[in-house]
């Protein structure tokens, strides 16, 4: 009987993509998991934002992972696999955020149909909220990569402006 062993010798971009995929599952899930909780929407969103800022400010591994995710050096080096992995990661962020905001829009529509607040026509939809939050996430990650001291406070006051916009 012979035992066949395969040796995986990844290219630079394949190795990068594999590390990113594994790291996302272990490093970022505690932050993203807040959005999946049963808490009211505004509490989940506030918790997600403050935990994200806290981790960017104080957790070097989390900060490094987000920095690598958003780093554009793969374009200069022509690493198409790395670019595809990053695009896939950002698309995953979009899908997760879209699901959260779509759930909220459905809840609001039901409430409005039942005689709740009648301002639904004035509110931004899930796609706009998702896009705004994605821009905020990318921007805060890039600030943290440069200097975590540039970040807003990692408490309720630091996320209040973005939270107000997302809850409107």
Protein backbone atom coordinates (compact mmCIF):
# COMPACT_ATOMS: atom_id res chain seq x y z
CA UNK A 1 0.00 0.00 0.00
CA UNK A 2 1.39 3.36 -0.88
CA UNK A 3 0.45 6.55 0.79
CA UNK A 4 0.11 9.50 -1.47
CA UNK A 5 0.69 12.84 0.04
CA UNK A 6 0.03 16.04 -1.73
CA UNK A 7 2.06 19.04 -0.94
CA UNK A 8 0.33 22.33 -1.37
CA UNK A 9 2.74 24.94 -2.60
CA UNK A 10 0.69 28.07 -2.95
CA UNK A 11 1.60 31.04 -5.03
CA UNK A 12 1.89 34.33 -3.20
CA UNK A 13 -1.65 35.41 -4.02
CA UNK A 14 -3.16 31.96 -3.37
CA UNK A 15 -1.45 31.83 0.00
CA UNK A 16 -2.67 35.34 0.76
CA UNK A 17 -6.24 34.38 -0.19
CA UNK A 18 -6.12 31.23 1.98
CA UNK A 19 -4.83 33.13 5.00
CA UNK A 20 -7.44 35.84 4.51
CA UNK A 21 -10.29 33.33 4.28
CA UNK A 22 -9.21 31.49 7.42
CA UNK A 23 -8.53 34.69 9.33
CA UNK A 24 -11.89 36.20 8.48
CA UNK A 25 -13.69 33.26 10.00
CA UNK A 26 -11.77 33.46 13.26
CA UNK A 27 -10.88 37.12 13.73
CA UNK A 28 -13.87 39.07 12.47
CA UNK A 29 -16.82 36.84 13.29
CA UNK A 30 -17.19 38.14 16.86
CA UNK A 31 -17.79 41.61 15.41
CA UNK A 32 -20.06 40.49 12.57
CA UNK A 33 -21.90 38.13 14.92
CA UNK A 34 -23.31 41.11 16.79
CA UNK A 35 -25.45 41.91 13.75
CA UNK A 36 -26.91 38.39 13.84
CA UNK A 37 -28.07 38.60 17.46
CA UNK A 38 -31.69 38.85 18.57
CA UNK A 39 -31.24 42.34 20.07
CA UNK A 40 -33.20 45.29 18.65
CA UNK A 41 -31.77 46.65 15.41
CA UNK A 42 -30.38 49.89 16.85
CA UNK A 43 -28.59 48.00 19.65
CA UNK A 44 -27.10 45.50 17.21
CA UNK A 45 -25.89 48.26 14.92
CA UNK A 46 -24.44 50.32 17.78
CA UNK A 47 -22.70 47.22 19.16
CA UNK A 48 -21.31 46.31 15.74
CA UNK A 49 -19.93 49.81 15.17
CA UNK A 50 -18.43 50.28 18.63
CA UNK A 51 -16.93 46.77 18.73
CA UNK A 52 -15.45 47.33 15.27
CA UNK A 53 -13.85 50.60 16.37
CA UNK A 54 -12.64 49.04 19.62
CA UNK A 55 -11.04 46.14 17.77
CA UNK A 56 -9.47 48.45 15.17
CA UNK A 57 -8.01 50.59 17.93
CA UNK A 58 -6.83 47.87 20.34
CA UNK A 59 -6.50 44.56 18.45
CA UNK A 60 -3.43 44.53 16.21
CA UNK A 61 -4.46 41.27 14.49
CA UNK A 62 -7.93 42.58 13.63
CA UNK A 63 -6.45 45.87 12.39
CA UNK A 64 -3.85 44.02 10.28
CA UNK A 65 -6.48 41.78 8.73
CA UNK A 66 -8.64 44.71 7.68
CA UNK A 67 -5.59 46.56 6.43
CA UNK A 68 -4.59 43.59 4.28
CA UNK A 69 -8.15 43.24 3.04
CA UNK A 70 -8.22 46.81 1.80
CA UNK A 71 -4.58 47.12 0.70
CA UNK A 72 -4.36 47.88 -3.00
CA UNK A 73 -0.82 46.56 -3.59
CA UNK A 74 -2.19 43.45 -5.33
CA UNK A 75 -3.12 45.68 -8.27
CA UNK A 76 0.42 46.97 -8.73
CA UNK A 77 1.89 43.49 -8.55
CA UNK A 78 -0.64 42.07 -11.00
CA UNK A 79 -1.91 39.50 -8.51
CA UNK A 80 -5.34 38.79 -9.94
CA UNK A 81 -6.09 36.03 -7.40
CA UNK A 82 -5.48 38.46 -4.55
CA UNK A 83 -7.69 41.05 -6.19
CA UNK A 84 -10.44 38.49 -6.70
CA UNK A 85 -10.20 37.39 -3.05
CA UNK A 86 -10.48 40.99 -1.86
CA UNK A 87 -13.41 41.69 -4.17
CA UNK A 88 -15.08 38.54 -2.89
CA UNK A 89 -14.51 39.63 0.71
CA UNK A 90 -16.01 43.06 0.11
CA UNK A 91 -18.94 41.50 -1.75
CA UNK A 92 -19.49 39.31 1.32
CA UNK A 93 -19.55 42.45 3.50
CA UNK A 94 -22.14 43.93 1.12
CA UNK A 95 -24.34 40.83 1.25
CA UNK A 96 -24.22 40.68 5.05
CA UNK A 97 -25.03 44.37 5.40
CA UNK A 98 -27.78 44.16 2.77
CA UNK A 99 -29.41 41.30 4.70
CA UNK A 100 -29.35 43.30 7.94
CA UNK A 101 -30.81 46.43 6.37
CA UNK A 102 -33.34 44.47 4.29
CA UNK A 103 -34.58 42.80 7.48
CA UNK A 104 -34.99 46.24 9.05
CA UNK A 105 -36.81 47.60 5.98
CA UNK A 106 -39.25 44.67 6.11
CA UNK A 107 -39.90 45.29 9.80
CA UNK A 108 -40.46 49.01 9.14
CA UNK A 109 -42.84 48.30 6.25
CA UNK A 110 -44.94 46.04 8.45
CA UNK A 111 -44.99 48.65 11.21
CA UNK A 112 -45.95 51.42 8.79
CA UNK A 113 -48.71 49.27 7.26
CA UNK A 114 -50.06 48.71 10.76
CA UNK A 115 -50.30 52.44 11.38
CA UNK A 116 -46.82 53.20 12.69
CA UNK A 117 -44.67 56.12 11.58
CA UNK A 118 -45.62 57.22 8.10
CA UNK A 119 -42.22 58.50 7.03
CA UNK A 120 -41.07 55.44 5.10
CA UNK A 121 -41.02 57.32 1.78
CA UNK A 122 -38.45 59.77 3.16
CA UNK A 123 -36.02 57.11 4.34
CA UNK A 124 -33.05 55.70 2.49
CA UNK A 125 -33.38 52.08 1.48
CA UNK A 126 -31.24 49.07 2.39
CA UNK A 127 -28.90 49.56 -0.58
CA UNK A 128 -28.07 53.15 0.41
CA UNK A 129 -27.53 52.21 4.04
CA UNK A 130 -25.38 49.24 3.05
CA UNK A 131 -23.25 51.41 0.76
CA UNK A 132 -22.81 54.14 3.39
CA UNK A 133 -21.83 51.66 6.08
CA UNK A 134 -19.42 49.86 3.73
CA UNK A 135 -17.70 53.18 2.98
CA UNK A 136 -17.50 53.92 6.72
CA UNK A 137 -16.05 50.46 7.45
CA UNK A 138 -13.42 50.80 4.73
CA UNK A 139 -12.54 54.34 5.78
CA UNK A 140 -12.14 53.50 9.45
CA UNK A 141 -9.99 50.49 8.58
CA UNK A 142 -7.70 52.65 6.44
CA UNK A 143 -7.46 55.28 9.18
CA UNK A 144 -6.60 52.58 11.70
CA UNK A 145 -3.89 51.25 9.39
CA UNK A 146 -2.33 54.70 9.29
CA UNK A 147 -2.78 55.61 12.94
CA UNK A 148 -5.44 54.18 15.29
CA UNK A 149 -5.44 57.49 17.17
CA UNK A 150 -7.18 59.03 14.12
CA UNK A 151 -10.28 56.91 14.77
CA UNK A 152 -13.34 58.33 16.49
CA UNK A 153 -13.86 57.22 20.11
CA UNK A 154 -14.76 53.53 20.40
CA UNK A 155 -17.93 54.22 22.38
CA UNK A 156 -21.46 55.51 21.79
CA UNK A 157 -20.26 59.08 21.12
CA UNK A 158 -17.86 57.89 18.43
CA UNK A 159 -20.53 56.05 16.46
CA UNK A 160 -23.42 58.48 17.10
CA UNK A 161 -23.11 60.41 13.79
CA UNK A 162 -23.02 57.32 11.56
CA UNK A 163 -25.67 55.60 13.68
CA UNK A 164 -28.04 58.58 13.34
CA UNK A 165 -27.68 58.44 9.58
CA UNK A 166 -28.20 54.70 9.40
CA UNK A 167 -31.25 54.79 11.65
CA UNK A 168 -32.95 57.61 9.73
